[in-house]
Amino acid sequence: MTTATAVATAVPPDDVPAGHRPDVAAPTEVITVLLADGHRLFRSALAALLDREADLSVVAEAAWGDDVLRDAQVVRPSVALLDLDLPGTPALDVASQLHDHVPLTRVLLLTAYARPADVKRALADGVDGVLLKDLAPDRLLGAVRTLAAGGQVYEPSLVVDAVRARPGGPTPRELAVLRLVADGCSIAEVARELSLSQGTVRNHVSSVIGRTGARNRCDAIRIARENSWL
């Protein structure tokens, strides 16, 4: 059968009475997805999982947080699926950028392990979903569809841990060190200002990072300010 014949056969003639034309299914709206994960193998497997679904399509992939906003502004995905431990710009900062610059893109974070401080910030910043990476494939597919439809999906255990977390906060000495670091002082300058050794200053900074569950000193400063410690 030629192409012309196939088209003529597929399209009913205009003189077919109303109510007698064959039903034609409406095209399914495709949910476009941007993937961002620093592990190429995991990202490729995730892309294959999503792309095999008729209503899902991966339209961009990124290995670094620095590239996500740029790519999202080009492809305008329905959902951005981000690894919480994304290399480069932290995923929570990327989520905030997407919220500000590509507001129609819903954000779903995947994490290998829970950090209550991260989940608290995700909740506060209006991230649309946070799930553990070991979830079943069908649940992930359902989560992407839920977000695209305007819903939210949070792993219950992560929310419970975030709500229950009650960090005691840094000690006064640790806060004094962190305050100077936040003001831009170097380790040597903090040591001179507080009459401490540089090793002691570094220990205080490390202790603050541990107490707050932060990734680094900049993250510790952010958490301290959010909790009105600074």
Protein backbone atom coordinates (compact mmCIF):
# COMPACT_ATOMS: atom_id res chain seq x y z
CA MET A 1 0.00 0.00 0.00
CA THR A 2 1.45 3.40 -0.90
CA THR A 3 1.61 6.26 1.56
CA ALA A 4 -1.13 8.14 -0.30
CA THR A 5 -3.40 5.07 -0.21
CA ALA A 6 -2.72 4.58 3.49
CA VAL A 7 -3.64 8.18 4.26
CA ALA A 8 -6.81 7.97 2.16
CA THR A 9 -7.80 4.80 3.98
CA ALA A 10 -7.04 6.16 7.43
CA VAL A 11 -8.94 9.45 7.04
CA PRO A 12 -12.74 9.02 6.82
CA PRO A 13 -14.44 10.85 3.94
CA ASP A 14 -16.34 14.03 4.71
CA ASP A 15 -19.67 12.53 3.73
CA VAL A 16 -19.64 9.92 6.51
CA PRO A 17 -22.65 10.81 8.72
CA ALA A 18 -21.91 12.24 12.16
CA GLY A 19 -21.79 9.54 14.79
CA HIS A 20 -20.57 6.93 12.31
CA ARG A 21 -16.92 7.91 12.12
CA PRO A 22 -14.45 5.62 13.86
CA ASP A 23 -13.23 6.89 17.21
CA VAL A 24 -9.82 8.52 17.03
CA ALA A 25 -7.85 8.57 20.29
CA ALA A 26 -6.62 11.99 21.37
CA PRO A 27 -2.84 12.25 21.40
CA THR A 28 -1.30 11.71 24.84
CA GLU A 29 0.44 14.80 26.23
CA VAL A 30 4.09 13.95 26.76
CA ILE A 31 5.70 14.81 30.10
CA THR A 32 9.19 16.14 29.41
CA VAL A 33 11.93 15.43 31.94
CA LEU A 34 15.35 16.94 32.61
CA LEU A 35 17.74 14.55 34.42
CA ALA A 36 20.66 15.78 36.51
CA ASP A 37 22.95 13.25 38.20
CA GLY A 38 26.72 13.08 38.41
CA HIS A 39 26.80 9.28 37.98
CA ARG A 40 26.63 8.53 34.26
CA LEU A 41 25.57 4.89 34.63
CA PHE A 42 22.70 5.72 37.00
CA ARG A 43 21.63 8.66 34.82
CA SER A 44 21.61 6.50 31.67
CA ALA A 45 19.60 3.77 33.37
CA LEU A 46 17.09 6.34 34.62
CA ALA A 47 16.80 7.88 31.16
CA ALA A 48 16.13 4.44 29.65
CA LEU A 49 13.46 3.74 32.28
CA LEU A 50 11.65 7.01 31.59
CA ASP A 51 11.98 6.95 27.81
CA ARG A 52 10.34 3.54 27.48
CA GLU A 53 7.07 5.08 28.74
CA ALA A 54 4.83 6.49 26.00
CA ASP A 55 3.94 9.60 28.01
CA LEU A 56 7.44 10.41 29.31
CA SER A 57 10.41 11.82 27.41
CA VAL A 58 13.88 12.78 28.65
CA VAL A 59 14.73 16.02 26.83
CA ALA A 60 17.98 16.97 28.59
CA GLU A 61 20.65 15.45 30.84
CA ALA A 62 23.20 17.20 33.05
CA ALA A 63 26.11 15.92 35.12
CA TRP A 64 26.71 19.18 37.01
CA GLY A 65 24.43 21.47 38.95
CA ASP A 66 25.95 24.46 37.14
CA ASP A 67 24.38 23.32 33.85
CA VAL A 68 20.83 22.62 35.01
CA LEU A 69 19.33 26.11 34.92
CA ARG A 70 20.77 26.85 31.48
CA ASP A 71 19.43 23.59 30.06
CA ALA A 72 16.04 24.05 31.73
CA GLN A 73 15.65 27.52 30.26
CA VAL A 74 16.21 26.02 26.80
CA VAL A 75 13.96 22.93 26.98
CA ARG A 76 11.43 24.08 29.63
CA PRO A 77 10.84 20.57 31.04
CA SER A 78 7.68 19.52 32.85
CA VAL A 79 9.79 17.92 35.60
CA ALA A 80 13.42 18.32 36.68
CA LEU A 81 14.73 15.18 38.36
CA LEU A 82 17.81 16.07 40.42
CA ASP A 83 20.25 14.09 42.54
CA LEU A 84 20.40 15.78 45.94
CA ASP A 85 24.20 15.29 45.93
CA LEU A 86 24.64 16.80 42.47
CA PRO A 87 28.23 17.93 41.79
CA GLY A 88 28.82 21.65 41.35
CA THR A 89 25.99 23.96 42.39
CA PRO A 90 24.11 22.17 45.21
CA ALA A 91 20.79 20.64 44.15
CA LEU A 92 18.81 22.70 46.68
CA ASP A 93 20.27 25.89 45.23
CA VAL A 94 19.48 24.61 41.72
CA ALA A 95 15.91 23.93 42.83
CA SER A 96 15.61 27.54 44.01
CA GLN A 97 16.98 28.79 40.70
CA LEU A 98 14.46 26.72 38.77
CA HIS A 99 11.64 27.99 41.00
CA ASP A 100 12.65 31.59 40.24
CA HIS A 101 13.47 31.33 36.54
CA VAL A 102 11.49 28.33 35.22
CA PRO A 103 8.48 28.34 37.58
CA LEU A 104 6.41 25.88 35.55
CA THR A 105 9.06 23.16 35.95
CA ARG A 106 8.34 20.88 38.92
CA VAL A 107 11.35 19.66 40.92
CA LEU A 108 11.85 16.13 42.24
CA LEU A 109 14.96 15.38 44.32
CA LEU A 110 16.39 11.88 44.69
CA THR A 111 18.75 11.10 47.56
CA ALA A 112 20.76 8.04 48.57
CA TYR A 113 20.43 8.90 52.27
CA ALA A 114 18.45 11.37 54.34
CA ARG A 115 19.81 14.52 55.92
CA PRO A 116 17.09 16.18 58.01
CA ALA A 117 18.48 19.68 57.36
CA ASP A 118 18.23 19.15 53.58
CA VAL A 119 14.69 17.81 53.79
CA LYS A 120 13.68 20.72 56.02
CA ARG A 121 15.02 23.19 53.49
CA ALA A 122 13.34 21.36 50.62
CA LEU A 123 10.02 21.57 52.47
CA ALA A 124 10.57 25.25 53.28
CA ASP A 125 11.60 26.12 49.72
CA GLY A 126 8.57 24.44 48.17
CA VAL A 127 10.42 21.63 46.37
CA ASP A 128 7.72 19.40 44.87
CA GLY A 129 9.14 16.03 45.90
CA VAL A 130 11.97 14.23 47.70
CA LEU A 131 12.39 10.46 47.42
CA LEU A 132 15.03 7.89 48.28
CA LYS A 133 16.98 6.43 45.37
CA ASP A 134 16.17 2.84 46.29
CA LEU A 135 12.48 3.22 45.43
CA ALA A 136 10.75 0.84 43.00
CA PRO A 137 10.79 1.92 39.34
CA ASP A 138 6.98 2.05 39.13
CA ARG A 139 6.86 4.38 42.11
CA LEU A 140 9.34 6.74 40.47
CA LEU A 141 7.31 6.79 37.26
CA GLY A 142 4.18 7.49 39.27
CA ALA A 143 5.96 10.30 41.14
CA VAL A 144 7.00 12.02 37.91
CA ARG A 145 3.42 11.85 36.64
CA THR A 146 2.08 13.14 39.96
CA LEU A 147 4.38 16.15 39.89
CA ALA A 148 3.54 16.89 36.26
CA ALA A 149 -0.14 16.88 37.24
CA GLY A 150 0.50 19.44 39.98
CA GLY A 151 0.91 17.15 42.99
CA GLN A 152 3.73 16.59 45.47
CA VAL A 153 5.51 13.40 46.53
CA TYR A 154 7.62 13.14 49.68
CA GLU A 155 9.08 9.99 51.22
CA PRO A 156 7.19 9.78 54.56
CA SER A 157 10.24 8.60 56.51
CA LEU A 158 12.25 11.61 55.33
CA VAL A 159 9.55 14.03 56.46
CA VAL A 160 9.27 12.32 59.86
CA ASP A 161 13.05 12.50 60.38
CA ALA A 162 13.10 16.16 59.39
CA VAL A 163 10.27 17.05 61.77
CA ARG A 164 11.77 15.09 64.67
CA ALA A 165 15.27 16.50 64.21
CA ARG A 166 16.05 18.94 67.01
CA PRO A 167 19.72 19.91 66.76
CA GLY A 168 21.08 21.47 69.94
CA GLY A 169 22.95 24.05 67.93
CA PRO A 170 26.59 25.09 68.03
CA THR A 171 28.28 26.19 71.22
CA PRO A 172 28.91 29.93 71.86
CA ARG A 173 32.58 29.52 70.95
CA GLU A 174 31.71 27.69 67.73
CA LEU A 175 29.24 30.45 66.85
CA ALA A 176 31.90 33.09 67.48
CA VAL A 177 34.18 31.29 65.04
CA LEU A 178 31.41 30.80 62.49
CA ARG A 179 30.36 34.46 62.74
CA LEU A 180 33.85 35.63 61.82
CA VAL A 181 34.06 33.08 58.99
CA ALA A 182 30.70 34.35 57.72
CA ASP A 183 32.12 37.88 57.76
CA GLY A 184 34.87 36.74 55.39
CA CYS A 185 37.72 36.16 57.81
CA SER A 186 40.32 33.54 57.00
CA ILE A 187 41.25 30.79 59.46
CA ALA A 188 44.38 32.73 60.41
CA GLU A 189 42.40 35.94 60.97
CA VAL A 190 39.84 34.12 63.14
CA ALA A 191 42.65 32.59 65.17
CA ARG A 192 44.22 36.00 65.82
CA GLU A 193 40.88 37.63 66.65
CA LEU A 194 39.90 34.96 69.20
CA SER A 195 43.41 34.15 70.44
CA LEU A 196 43.14 30.54 69.31
CA SER A 197 45.42 28.29 67.33
CA GLN A 198 44.53 27.76 63.68
CA GLY A 199 44.08 24.05 64.40
CA THR A 200 41.51 24.86 67.10
CA VAL A 201 39.65 27.16 64.72
CA ARG A 202 39.52 24.41 62.11
CA ASN A 203 38.22 21.99 64.76
CA HIS A 204 35.46 24.44 65.69
CA VAL A 205 34.47 24.85 62.04
CA SER A 206 34.38 21.08 61.55
CA SER A 207 32.31 20.70 64.72
CA VAL A 208 29.76 23.25 63.48
CA ILE A 209 29.47 21.43 60.16
CA GLY A 210 28.85 18.18 62.02
CA ARG A 211 26.31 19.67 64.45
CA THR A 212 24.27 21.31 61.70
CA GLY A 213 24.46 18.40 59.24
CA ALA A 214 25.92 20.78 56.67
CA ARG A 215 28.01 19.86 53.62
CA ASN A 216 30.62 22.57 54.15
CA ARG A 217 31.22 25.83 56.01
CA CYS A 218 29.08 27.87 53.61
CA ASP A 219 26.18 25.48 54.15
CA ALA A 220 26.75 25.66 57.93
CA ILE A 221 26.53 29.45 57.79
CA ARG A 222 23.26 29.22 55.86
CA ILE A 223 21.77 26.75 58.36
CA ALA A 224 22.92 28.85 61.33
CA ARG A 225 21.28 31.94 59.87
CA GLU A 226 18.07 30.07 59.10
CA ASN A 227 17.94 28.97 62.74
CA SER A 228 18.70 32.54 63.97
CA TRP A 229 21.96 31.40 65.57
CA LEU A 230 23.90 34.14 63.78
